[in-house]
Amino acid sequence: MASLKDRTITGFLWSFSGNFANQLVTFIVGILLARILSPREYGLIGMITIFIVISQTIIDSGLRQALIRKNDCTEADYSSVFYYNVFLSILLYCLLYLCAPYISKFYGEPELQRIIKVLGLILLFGSLSAVHSTILIKQLNFKLQSKISVGSALISGLIGIVLAYKGFGVWSLVYRQLAGTILTSLFYWIFHSWVPRKVFQWVSLKDLFGFSLKFLLSMFIDQSFWNIYYVIIGKVFSVKELGLYTRAEMFKNLPSQNLTSLIANVSLPALVQSQENKTIRENYRKVLGINIYLASFMLFMIISTANSMVLALLGEKWSEMIPVLKLLCLSGLLYPASILAINVFTVKGDSSLILRLEFVKKGISLLLILAFISGGLRGIIFAIVISSVIDFLLNGFYSGRLIGYKLTSQIKDILQAMIIPFLAGVLVLLLGNVMSIDPIAELIIQCCTGLVILFFIGEILKSSNHNTIKELVINTLQKIKK
């Protein structure tokens, strides 16, 4: 049987390649749709995002993390969670359906009523495959997950593009999301052998809820606050500004949230299985360094190439998004460290600490929103940036105490991981300032130059993060050759 290290590396390679392919497909589809559609269509979807996200959080109830954390899960555990998720999804969809007219009236957008009733169906279909994906994560089996995610993203993306060209407008975005969720669930049921047993035990849920309830409440608070920006921008400002924000967030999330989610999903079960030995701190430190190195490079590159990137990929009608994108990327720099710190709380089973921290962090965030809202959209983004720093400081301090990894040491490692990406970003920015060519050609030159600079500086300085990533790439190529 392969060792934990080998299975973790293999899982990371599959997860990384699958996630990269999935995000590439999603990114390309998003670009093609944005060139056809306007900021208003994206703003309409953004207005109801908070209701979908919060509903999904409630349906999950922290049970996914509880199942991953529990080493001796039974079929009764899995089946009980499955039926619980399905029941909650039906209940919450009915609630969304009934509230649709009031949400539409709140924003003053009549079309939202129909959109909510259709898009809300992703809650039902999403609940059907939640346990399947959890089992695969526990098994570090990211190969099948990657194939399913890429396949569903590709097919649903094509559906969205065709509908957008046919003039369906905002409904091309609605049906794309719905198709993606349906296909994902369908593929899990076809290609994964697990099926729920005819058993439901409250005892199983009660055991899991011991950890998950506090985790649920903390995630509920977290998701509500991060998505409250959609409500504020859509209600206080305009649908167009919300559309600009949502597209800027898509670019920012590619290296920040999505990359972090990938590495966190791989590292969490590995950390759970290795928590008995004293290597958890070093394992966590390596994961943190790699994540910050990759995410900060991509974020600095987006900031440096924002002008050419937006004009080349989205077109002139999205030019107002450029300053929004640059500011928003700053909020993503410390996001990986904050989320990975929460993994430590999960591994150590300290959901009470997660909950207490969420109350403190979101209370501060609320004060920041009130302080900066008069500054318009940019003011809101400044509040987001400051909140991200505070989140990291609090998460990092308390997670560090649990594994003997001081906050000062974390900051030092993070800054070291950011140095080379920052230098590459500065040089690419200077290059862009002296060029005056077609945006597409400029973007290609900047991206290629950034990668070359990153590689050679990493080689010269013998960066440990650079060497680890290079080793992973070499291992991947060797596996492909075999």
Protein backbone atom coordinates (compact mmCIF):
# COMPACT_ATOMS: atom_id res chain seq x y z
CA MET A 1 0.00 0.00 0.00
CA ALA A 2 1.33 3.46 -0.91
CA SER A 3 2.57 5.61 1.95
CA LEU A 4 0.70 8.69 3.15
CA LYS A 5 3.37 10.90 1.56
CA ASP A 6 3.08 9.15 -1.81
CA ARG A 7 -0.73 9.24 -1.73
CA THR A 8 -0.66 12.92 -0.75
CA ILE A 9 1.74 13.79 -3.58
CA THR A 10 -0.31 11.77 -6.07
CA GLY A 11 -3.48 13.39 -4.77
CA PHE A 12 -1.95 16.83 -5.09
CA LEU A 13 -0.78 16.17 -8.64
CA TRP A 14 -4.18 14.92 -9.74
CA SER A 15 -6.00 17.65 -7.83
CA PHE A 16 -3.72 20.34 -9.20
CA SER A 17 -3.93 19.16 -12.82
CA GLY A 18 -7.68 18.60 -12.56
CA ASN A 19 -8.29 21.91 -10.84
CA PHE A 20 -6.05 23.71 -13.31
CA ALA A 21 -7.94 22.20 -16.25
CA ASN A 22 -11.29 22.94 -14.60
CA GLN A 23 -10.37 26.53 -13.82
CA LEU A 24 -8.92 27.01 -17.29
CA VAL A 25 -12.18 25.83 -18.83
CA THR A 26 -14.22 27.98 -16.43
CA PHE A 27 -11.97 30.99 -17.06
CA ILE A 28 -12.15 30.69 -20.85
CA VAL A 29 -15.91 30.19 -20.75
CA GLY A 30 -16.24 33.18 -18.42
CA ILE A 31 -14.23 35.34 -20.81
CA LEU A 32 -16.28 34.30 -23.84
CA LEU A 33 -19.52 34.96 -21.98
CA ALA A 34 -18.30 38.34 -20.71
CA ARG A 35 -17.47 39.42 -24.28
CA ILE A 36 -21.06 38.66 -25.27
CA LEU A 37 -22.87 39.82 -22.15
CA SER A 38 -22.69 43.09 -20.20
CA PRO A 39 -21.91 43.89 -16.54
CA ARG A 40 -25.65 44.14 -15.86
CA GLU A 41 -26.27 40.41 -16.50
CA TYR A 42 -23.51 39.48 -14.08
CA GLY A 43 -24.84 41.98 -11.58
CA LEU A 44 -28.25 40.27 -11.57
CA ILE A 45 -26.64 36.92 -10.74
CA GLY A 46 -24.51 38.63 -8.08
CA MET A 47 -27.62 39.96 -6.37
CA ILE A 48 -28.83 36.48 -5.43
CA THR A 49 -25.42 34.88 -4.84
CA ILE A 50 -25.61 35.41 -1.09
CA PHE A 51 -28.89 33.50 -0.83
CA ILE A 52 -27.53 30.52 -2.79
CA VAL A 53 -24.21 30.44 -0.92
CA ILE A 54 -25.81 30.67 2.52
CA SER A 55 -28.30 27.94 1.62
CA GLN A 56 -25.46 25.68 0.47
CA THR A 57 -23.61 26.35 3.72
CA ILE A 58 -26.64 25.37 5.77
CA ILE A 59 -27.17 22.21 3.74
CA ASP A 60 -23.56 21.18 4.29
CA SER A 61 -23.91 22.02 8.01
CA GLY A 62 -20.20 21.45 8.53
CA LEU A 63 -20.83 17.72 8.13
CA ARG A 64 -18.36 17.41 5.27
CA GLN A 65 -15.53 18.59 7.52
CA ALA A 66 -16.79 16.36 10.33
CA LEU A 67 -16.77 13.30 8.05
CA ILE A 68 -13.28 14.09 6.79
CA ARG A 69 -12.03 14.58 10.33
CA LYS A 70 -13.58 11.32 11.61
CA ASN A 71 -11.24 8.40 10.95
CA ASP A 72 -13.74 5.56 11.43
CA CYS A 73 -16.76 6.64 9.39
CA THR A 74 -19.42 3.97 8.88
CA GLU A 75 -21.96 3.46 6.10
CA ALA A 76 -24.59 4.65 8.57
CA ASP A 77 -22.67 7.92 8.93
CA TYR A 78 -22.48 8.49 5.19
CA SER A 79 -26.10 7.51 4.50
CA SER A 80 -27.47 9.58 7.37
CA VAL A 81 -25.61 12.66 6.15
CA PHE A 82 -26.84 12.04 2.60
CA TYR A 83 -30.53 11.93 3.60
CA TYR A 84 -30.08 14.91 5.91
CA ASN A 85 -28.54 16.97 3.08
CA VAL A 86 -31.33 16.07 0.65
CA PHE A 87 -34.04 16.92 3.19
CA LEU A 88 -32.48 20.31 3.97
CA SER A 89 -32.00 21.12 0.28
CA ILE A 90 -35.70 20.54 -0.40
CA LEU A 91 -36.68 22.65 2.61
CA LEU A 92 -34.39 25.55 1.69
CA TYR A 93 -35.39 25.50 -1.97
CA CYS A 94 -39.03 25.83 -0.94
CA LEU A 95 -38.07 28.74 1.31
CA LEU A 96 -36.17 30.45 -1.53
CA TYR A 97 -39.11 29.89 -3.86
CA LEU A 98 -41.49 31.58 -1.42
CA CYS A 99 -39.08 34.45 -0.73
CA ALA A 100 -38.32 35.12 -4.40
CA PRO A 101 -40.93 37.90 -4.80
CA TYR A 102 -39.64 39.74 -1.73
CA ILE A 103 -35.99 39.49 -2.82
CA SER A 104 -36.96 40.80 -6.25
CA LYS A 105 -38.84 43.71 -4.68
CA PHE A 106 -35.91 44.48 -2.35
CA TYR A 107 -33.58 45.08 -5.31
CA GLY A 108 -36.24 46.53 -7.59
CA GLU A 109 -35.48 43.96 -10.29
CA PRO A 110 -38.62 42.01 -11.36
CA GLU A 111 -36.62 39.44 -13.37
CA LEU A 112 -34.91 38.20 -10.21
CA GLN A 113 -38.08 36.39 -9.12
CA ARG A 114 -37.90 33.88 -11.97
CA ILE A 115 -34.11 33.61 -11.78
CA ILE A 116 -34.19 32.63 -8.10
CA LYS A 117 -36.83 29.96 -8.66
CA VAL A 118 -34.76 28.32 -11.42
CA LEU A 119 -31.25 28.82 -10.08
CA GLY A 120 -32.31 27.62 -6.64
CA LEU A 121 -32.62 24.11 -8.10
CA ILE A 122 -28.84 23.74 -7.80
CA LEU A 123 -29.42 23.24 -4.08
CA LEU A 124 -31.40 20.06 -4.77
CA PHE A 125 -29.02 18.59 -7.32
CA GLY A 126 -25.90 19.63 -5.41
CA SER A 127 -27.01 17.75 -2.29
CA LEU A 128 -27.15 14.48 -4.23
CA SER A 129 -23.37 14.28 -4.68
CA ALA A 130 -21.98 15.96 -1.55
CA VAL A 131 -21.23 12.68 0.23
CA HIS A 132 -19.68 11.16 -2.90
CA SER A 133 -17.12 13.96 -3.13
CA THR A 134 -16.44 13.80 0.62
CA ILE A 135 -15.62 10.09 0.43
CA LEU A 136 -13.19 10.71 -2.43
CA ILE A 137 -11.48 13.50 -0.46
CA LYS A 138 -11.03 11.18 2.54
CA GLN A 139 -9.51 8.58 0.21
CA LEU A 140 -7.24 11.21 -1.40
CA ASN A 141 -8.78 10.08 -4.69
CA PHE A 142 -8.70 13.29 -6.69
CA LYS A 143 -8.36 11.57 -10.06
CA LEU A 144 -12.06 10.84 -10.42
CA GLN A 145 -13.02 14.20 -8.92
CA SER A 146 -10.85 15.97 -11.48
CA LYS A 147 -12.40 14.13 -14.41
CA ILE A 148 -15.93 14.87 -13.19
CA SER A 149 -15.30 18.56 -12.50
CA VAL A 150 -13.57 19.17 -15.84
CA GLY A 151 -16.21 17.25 -17.79
CA SER A 152 -19.15 19.08 -16.21
CA ALA A 153 -17.43 22.48 -16.54
CA LEU A 154 -16.73 21.90 -20.22
CA ILE A 155 -20.24 20.73 -21.15
CA SER A 156 -22.06 23.34 -19.05
CA GLY A 157 -19.73 26.03 -20.37
CA LEU A 158 -20.58 25.14 -23.96
CA ILE A 159 -24.29 25.27 -23.07
CA GLY A 160 -23.84 28.75 -21.59
CA ILE A 161 -21.92 30.06 -24.61
CA VAL A 162 -24.46 28.73 -27.12
CA LEU A 163 -27.33 30.26 -25.16
CA ALA A 164 -25.52 33.60 -24.87
CA TYR A 165 -24.98 33.72 -28.64
CA LYS A 166 -28.66 32.87 -29.10
CA GLY A 167 -29.57 35.98 -27.10
CA PHE A 168 -30.67 34.40 -23.81
CA GLY A 169 -28.85 37.12 -21.83
CA VAL A 170 -28.74 36.51 -18.08
CA TRP A 171 -30.46 33.14 -18.56
CA SER A 172 -27.36 31.79 -20.27
CA LEU A 173 -25.58 32.25 -16.93
CA VAL A 174 -28.46 30.67 -15.00
CA TYR A 175 -28.70 27.58 -17.19
CA ARG A 176 -24.95 27.20 -17.28
CA GLN A 177 -24.74 26.99 -13.47
CA LEU A 178 -27.73 24.68 -13.26
CA ALA A 179 -26.37 22.38 -15.97
CA GLY A 180 -22.97 22.24 -14.25
CA THR A 181 -24.52 21.13 -10.95
CA ILE A 182 -26.80 18.53 -12.58
CA LEU A 183 -23.95 17.05 -14.63
CA THR A 184 -21.61 16.91 -11.63
CA SER A 185 -24.15 14.96 -9.56
CA LEU A 186 -25.00 12.70 -12.48
CA PHE A 187 -21.33 11.87 -13.12
CA TYR A 188 -20.71 11.07 -9.45
CA TRP A 189 -23.60 8.61 -9.43
CA ILE A 190 -22.45 7.01 -12.68
CA PHE A 191 -18.72 6.74 -12.01
CA HIS A 192 -18.53 6.37 -8.22
CA SER A 193 -19.59 3.10 -6.64
CA TRP A 194 -21.01 4.53 -3.41
CA VAL A 195 -24.80 4.53 -2.99
CA PRO A 196 -26.66 5.43 0.21
CA ARG A 197 -27.91 2.55 2.30
CA LYS A 198 -31.50 2.36 3.53
CA VAL A 199 -30.47 3.54 6.96
CA PHE A 200 -30.80 6.80 8.86
CA GLN A 201 -29.43 7.11 12.38
CA TRP A 202 -29.76 10.18 14.55
CA VAL A 203 -26.92 8.78 16.62
CA SER A 204 -24.56 9.18 13.65
CA LEU A 205 -25.64 12.77 13.06
CA LYS A 206 -25.46 13.59 16.76
CA ASP A 207 -21.87 12.39 16.88
CA LEU A 208 -20.93 14.43 13.81
CA PHE A 209 -22.87 17.49 14.97
CA GLY A 210 -20.67 17.63 18.06
CA PHE A 211 -18.06 19.19 15.82
CA SER A 212 -20.05 20.43 12.85
CA LEU A 213 -22.64 22.69 14.51
CA LYS A 214 -20.10 25.22 15.70
CA PHE A 215 -18.28 24.89 12.40
CA LEU A 216 -21.60 25.48 10.59
CA LEU A 217 -22.32 28.63 12.55
CA SER A 218 -18.81 29.97 11.93
CA MET A 219 -19.04 29.20 8.20
CA PHE A 220 -22.51 30.73 8.08
CA ILE A 221 -21.17 33.96 9.59
CA ASP A 222 -18.13 33.90 7.28
CA GLN A 223 -20.08 33.26 4.08
CA SER A 224 -22.75 35.79 5.01
CA PHE A 225 -20.23 38.54 5.54
CA TRP A 226 -18.11 37.82 2.47
CA ASN A 227 -21.24 37.77 0.33
CA ILE A 228 -22.91 40.72 2.04
CA TYR A 229 -20.78 42.87 -0.24
CA TYR A 230 -22.96 41.68 -3.14
CA VAL A 231 -26.06 42.92 -1.32
CA ILE A 232 -24.50 46.26 -0.39
CA ILE A 233 -23.12 46.99 -3.86
CA GLY A 234 -26.29 45.82 -5.61
CA LYS A 235 -28.61 47.76 -3.30
CA VAL A 236 -26.64 50.92 -2.46
CA PHE A 237 -24.83 51.38 -5.77
CA SER A 238 -25.93 49.81 -9.08
CA VAL A 239 -26.35 46.55 -10.96
CA LYS A 240 -23.53 47.59 -13.30
CA GLU A 241 -21.07 48.19 -10.46
CA LEU A 242 -22.01 44.83 -8.97
CA GLY A 243 -21.33 43.24 -12.35
CA LEU A 244 -17.88 44.86 -12.47
CA TYR A 245 -17.18 43.61 -8.96
CA THR A 246 -18.27 40.03 -9.69
CA ARG A 247 -16.07 39.80 -12.81
CA ALA A 248 -13.10 41.28 -10.95
CA GLU A 249 -13.68 38.75 -8.21
CA MET A 250 -13.60 35.95 -10.80
CA PHE A 251 -10.08 36.98 -11.83
CA LYS A 252 -8.98 37.34 -8.21
CA ASN A 253 -10.46 34.05 -7.09
CA LEU A 254 -8.62 32.03 -9.71
CA PRO A 255 -5.26 32.17 -7.89
CA SER A 256 -6.62 32.97 -4.44
CA GLN A 257 -9.69 31.02 -3.39
CA ASN A 258 -9.61 28.29 -6.02
CA LEU A 259 -5.92 27.45 -5.63
CA THR A 260 -6.27 27.55 -1.85
CA SER A 261 -9.31 25.28 -1.97
CA LEU A 262 -7.35 22.81 -4.07
CA ILE A 263 -4.39 22.64 -1.69
CA ALA A 264 -6.60 22.74 1.41
CA ASN A 265 -8.67 19.79 0.16
CA VAL A 266 -5.52 17.73 -0.37
CA SER A 267 -3.77 18.79 2.83
CA LEU A 268 -6.72 18.42 5.24
CA PRO A 269 -7.11 14.62 5.10
CA ALA A 270 -3.33 14.24 5.06
CA LEU A 271 -2.99 16.42 8.17
CA VAL A 272 -5.79 14.50 9.87
CA GLN A 273 -3.97 11.22 9.25
CA SER A 274 -0.61 12.61 10.43
CA GLN A 275 -1.81 14.54 13.48
CA GLU A 276 -0.45 11.90 15.85
CA ASN A 277 3.17 12.66 14.97
CA LYS A 278 5.17 15.84 15.38
CA THR A 279 5.50 16.58 11.67
CA ILE A 280 2.21 18.44 11.36
CA ARG A 281 3.87 21.83 11.84
CA GLU A 282 6.48 21.23 9.13
CA ASN A 283 3.87 19.76 6.77
CA TYR A 284 1.65 22.79 7.34
CA ARG A 285 4.58 25.16 6.84
CA LYS A 286 5.42 23.60 3.47
CA VAL A 287 1.81 23.75 2.32
CA LEU A 288 1.57 27.39 3.40
CA GLY A 289 4.77 28.35 1.59
CA ILE A 290 3.81 26.69 -1.69
CA ASN A 291 0.31 28.17 -1.61
CA ILE A 292 1.48 31.71 -0.89
CA TYR A 293 4.25 31.43 -3.53
CA LEU A 294 1.87 30.37 -6.30
CA ALA A 295 -1.09 32.53 -5.32
CA SER A 296 0.94 35.72 -4.78
CA PHE A 297 2.71 35.29 -8.13
CA MET A 298 -0.58 34.98 -9.97
CA LEU A 299 -2.13 37.89 -8.05
CA PHE A 300 0.87 40.17 -8.62
CA MET A 301 0.77 39.22 -12.29
CA ILE A 302 -2.92 40.12 -12.52
CA ILE A 303 -2.22 43.48 -10.88
CA SER A 304 0.72 44.12 -13.23
CA THR A 305 -1.15 43.11 -16.38
CA ALA A 306 -4.63 44.38 -15.43
CA ASN A 307 -4.79 46.98 -18.22
CA SER A 308 -3.83 44.64 -21.05
CA MET A 309 -5.66 41.67 -19.50
CA VAL A 310 -9.06 43.33 -19.25
CA LEU A 311 -8.86 44.99 -22.67
CA ALA A 312 -7.54 41.86 -24.39
CA LEU A 313 -9.83 39.31 -22.77
CA LEU A 314 -13.06 41.18 -22.02
CA GLY A 315 -13.02 44.22 -24.28
CA GLU A 316 -13.35 47.98 -23.88
CA LYS A 317 -16.82 47.80 -22.28
CA TRP A 318 -15.20 46.29 -19.16
CA SER A 319 -12.43 48.92 -18.85
CA GLU A 320 -14.02 50.38 -15.68
CA MET A 321 -13.19 47.07 -14.01
CA ILE A 322 -9.40 47.66 -14.13
CA PRO A 323 -8.96 49.73 -10.91
CA VAL A 324 -11.46 47.48 -9.12
CA LEU A 325 -9.48 44.40 -10.13
CA LYS A 326 -6.15 45.81 -8.96
CA LEU A 327 -7.48 46.70 -5.52
CA LEU A 328 -9.41 43.47 -5.10
CA CYS A 329 -6.35 41.33 -5.83
CA LEU A 330 -4.65 42.77 -2.73
CA SER A 331 -7.35 41.16 -0.58
CA GLY A 332 -6.43 37.74 -1.95
CA LEU A 333 -2.77 37.78 -0.93
CA LEU A 334 -3.36 36.55 2.63
CA TYR A 335 -6.48 34.51 1.94
CA PRO A 336 -4.51 31.23 1.56
CA ALA A 337 -2.92 31.68 4.99
CA SER A 338 -6.30 32.38 6.62
CA ILE A 339 -8.03 29.34 5.14
CA LEU A 340 -5.14 26.98 5.83
CA ALA A 341 -5.16 28.18 9.44
CA ILE A 342 -8.80 27.11 9.68
CA ASN A 343 -7.65 23.66 8.51
CA VAL A 344 -5.55 23.50 11.68
CA PHE A 345 -8.63 24.24 13.81
CA THR A 346 -10.47 21.49 11.95
CA VAL A 347 -7.67 18.96 12.46
CA LYS A 348 -7.44 19.79 16.16
CA GLY A 349 -11.21 19.67 16.51
CA ASP A 350 -11.43 23.19 17.94
CA SER A 351 -14.66 24.38 16.32
CA SER A 352 -15.42 26.57 19.36
CA LEU A 353 -12.36 28.68 18.59
CA ILE A 354 -13.42 29.03 14.96
CA LEU A 355 -16.81 30.30 16.07
CA ARG A 356 -15.44 32.82 18.57
CA LEU A 357 -13.00 34.17 16.01
CA GLU A 358 -15.73 34.60 13.41
CA PHE A 359 -17.77 36.80 15.75
CA VAL A 360 -14.73 39.01 16.40
CA LYS A 361 -13.59 39.20 12.77
CA LYS A 362 -17.02 39.95 11.35
CA GLY A 363 -17.71 42.55 14.00
CA ILE A 364 -14.56 44.35 12.88
CA SER A 365 -15.55 43.90 9.23
CA LEU A 366 -18.93 45.50 9.89
CA LEU A 367 -17.25 48.56 11.40
CA LEU A 368 -14.95 48.78 8.39
CA ILE A 369 -17.90 48.64 5.98
CA LEU A 370 -19.61 51.50 7.82
CA ALA A 371 -16.38 53.49 7.84
CA PHE A 372 -15.60 53.11 4.11
CA ILE A 373 -19.04 52.87 2.45
CA SER A 374 -19.05 56.60 1.70
CA GLY A 375 -16.07 55.97 -0.59
CA GLY A 376 -18.24 54.07 -3.06
CA LEU A 377 -17.16 50.79 -4.63
CA ARG A 378 -13.48 51.48 -4.03
CA GLY A 379 -14.23 52.25 -0.39
CA ILE A 380 -15.92 48.87 -0.01
CA ILE A 381 -12.90 47.14 -1.55
CA PHE A 382 -10.55 48.97 0.85
CA ALA A 383 -12.65 47.55 3.68
CA ILE A 384 -12.29 44.07 2.17
CA VAL A 385 -8.49 44.43 1.95
CA ILE A 386 -8.16 45.54 5.58
CA SER A 387 -10.52 42.75 6.68
CA SER A 388 -8.36 40.16 4.93
CA VAL A 389 -5.30 41.31 6.90
CA ILE A 390 -7.18 41.16 10.21
CA ASP A 391 -8.54 37.70 9.35
CA PHE A 392 -5.03 36.38 8.77
CA LEU A 393 -3.60 37.90 11.95
CA LEU A 394 -6.29 36.37 14.14
CA ASN A 395 -6.43 32.98 12.39
CA GLY A 396 -2.66 32.75 12.20
CA PHE A 397 -2.12 33.65 15.84
CA TYR A 398 -4.51 31.07 17.27
CA SER A 399 -3.73 28.28 14.80
CA GLY A 400 -0.02 28.84 15.48
CA ARG A 401 -0.60 28.27 19.18
CA LEU A 402 -2.18 24.90 18.44
CA ILE A 403 0.79 23.54 16.48
CA GLY A 404 3.70 25.59 17.85
CA TYR A 405 4.02 27.83 14.79
CA LYS A 406 4.26 31.43 16.01
CA LEU A 407 2.54 34.23 14.13
CA THR A 408 5.87 36.03 13.70
CA SER A 409 7.32 32.90 12.08
CA GLN A 410 4.31 32.65 9.79
CA ILE A 411 4.67 36.28 8.72
CA LYS A 412 8.37 35.73 8.05
CA ASP A 413 7.67 32.64 5.93
CA ILE A 414 4.87 34.41 4.06
CA LEU A 415 7.04 37.44 3.25
CA GLN A 416 9.85 35.16 2.07
CA ALA A 417 7.40 33.31 -0.16
CA MET A 418 6.14 36.62 -1.62
CA ILE A 419 9.52 38.22 -2.40
CA ILE A 420 10.22 36.48 -5.71
CA PRO A 421 6.63 36.78 -7.03
CA PHE A 422 6.63 40.46 -6.03
CA LEU A 423 9.88 41.13 -7.91
CA ALA A 424 8.52 39.36 -10.97
CA GLY A 425 5.33 41.43 -10.77
CA VAL A 426 7.22 44.73 -10.50
CA LEU A 427 9.41 43.93 -13.50
CA VAL A 428 6.38 42.92 -15.56
CA LEU A 429 4.61 46.15 -14.56
CA LEU A 430 7.60 48.21 -15.68
CA LEU A 431 7.65 46.28 -18.95
CA GLY A 432 3.98 47.05 -19.53
CA ASN A 433 4.55 50.76 -18.92
CA VAL A 434 7.13 51.03 -21.70
CA MET A 435 5.14 49.02 -24.26
CA SER A 436 2.48 50.51 -26.49
CA ILE A 437 1.20 47.66 -28.61
CA ASP A 438 -1.93 45.61 -29.13
CA PRO A 439 -3.36 44.50 -25.73
CA ILE A 440 -3.34 40.81 -26.70
CA ALA A 441 0.32 40.88 -27.76
CA GLU A 442 1.22 42.91 -24.67
CA LEU A 443 -0.52 40.42 -22.38
CA ILE A 444 1.24 37.44 -23.96
CA ILE A 445 4.66 39.11 -23.68
CA GLN A 446 4.04 40.13 -20.06
CA CYS A 447 2.87 36.66 -18.98
CA CYS A 448 5.78 34.87 -20.67
CA THR A 449 8.24 37.36 -19.23
CA GLY A 450 6.78 36.93 -15.74
CA LEU A 451 7.15 33.15 -15.85
CA VAL A 452 10.74 33.39 -17.08
CA ILE A 453 11.64 35.93 -14.39
CA LEU A 454 10.02 33.81 -11.67
CA PHE A 455 11.92 30.71 -12.77
CA PHE A 456 15.36 32.29 -13.03
CA ILE A 457 15.11 34.28 -9.80
CA GLY A 458 13.94 31.10 -8.05
CA GLU A 459 16.90 29.20 -9.48
CA ILE A 460 19.41 31.90 -8.55
CA LEU A 461 18.13 32.36 -4.99
CA LYS A 462 17.54 28.60 -4.55
CA SER A 463 14.10 29.22 -3.09
CA SER A 464 12.74 26.24 -1.15
CA ASN A 465 9.22 26.86 -2.47
CA HIS A 466 10.54 27.08 -6.01
CA ASN A 467 12.44 23.81 -5.58
CA THR A 468 9.41 22.03 -4.10
CA ILE A 469 7.19 23.12 -6.99
CA LYS A 470 9.86 22.14 -9.51
CA GLU A 471 10.08 18.70 -7.90
CA LEU A 472 6.31 18.31 -8.16
CA VAL A 473 6.40 19.27 -11.84
CA ILE A 474 9.23 16.79 -12.54
CA ASN A 475 7.33 14.03 -10.71
CA THR A 476 4.25 14.83 -12.76
CA LEU A 477 6.17 14.61 -16.06
CA GLN A 478 7.75 11.32 -15.00
CA LYS A 479 4.33 9.87 -14.17
CA ILE A 480 3.02 11.01 -17.57
CA LYS A 481 5.94 9.31 -19.35
CA LYS A 482 5.22 6.05 -17.53
